[in-house]
Amino acid sequence: MPSAEHAPDFRPLSAILRELGHGAGEGETVMLGEIVERFGRRAFGALLFIFSAPNLLPLPPGASTLLGAPLVLLAPQVAIGVRTPWLPRAVRRRRISRRALDHAFTRLAPGLERIENASRPRLTWMFGSFGDRMIGLVCTALVLVLILPIPFGNMLPAAAVAVLSLSLAQRDGVLTLIGYGLAATSGAVLFVTAGAVVQGVRRLAEMAGG
């Protein structure tokens, strides 16, 4: 049972993220394990959001692969029905700069707050053992695309994971449907892009051979 100091926090995610970023008097970094404890039962949704949403911002090359690494560990756990996030000790002890958190979520917070204000538990039949696992399965597939170094190919998968993760945290089935729609769009764009690349390679091979 968590201590009072690390009791699960059920305030809006945006408020907790702002607090984690500011962290007045709490040091310049925060351990990932502390973030997990802070979110309690919403940890899966919150952590998936934390590591997917920054991909919607302009990031240096390779950042999506770095942010995607924890997602590769977390999303499959949702898919197989794990109740509490498990992370290796080395990952739990990894420290994240509060300044980096503040920079990212100061830009994301206004949109997140608008979603939270409009969101509420609804279509809750979409959750539960099967529903949560389906969200985890879709997020796992999206994460495998997200970690690939595809120029401008990370935005749609990241948006889909971010929305689906919020739906888990908020238990909002409308967000789930939006997330599934974004996931389908992401898959369609990836399919078309892959087809265009294959066609381009084939034409180059024909030109080289001719």
Foldseek 3Di string as FASTA:
>chain_A
DDDPVLAADLDQLLVVLLCLLCVVPNDQKDFQLSQLSNHPQLSLLSLLQLLLVLVLDDDPQQSLLVSLPVVLQRLQCQLVPPRGRDDPPVNRRDIDGSNVSNVRSVVVSVVSVVCVVVFAADPLVCDDNNNSNVLSVLLNVLSVQRNDRDVVLNNLSSVLSNLSSVCSSRNGVVSPVVSVVSSVVSVVVVVVVVVVVVVVVVVVVVVVVD
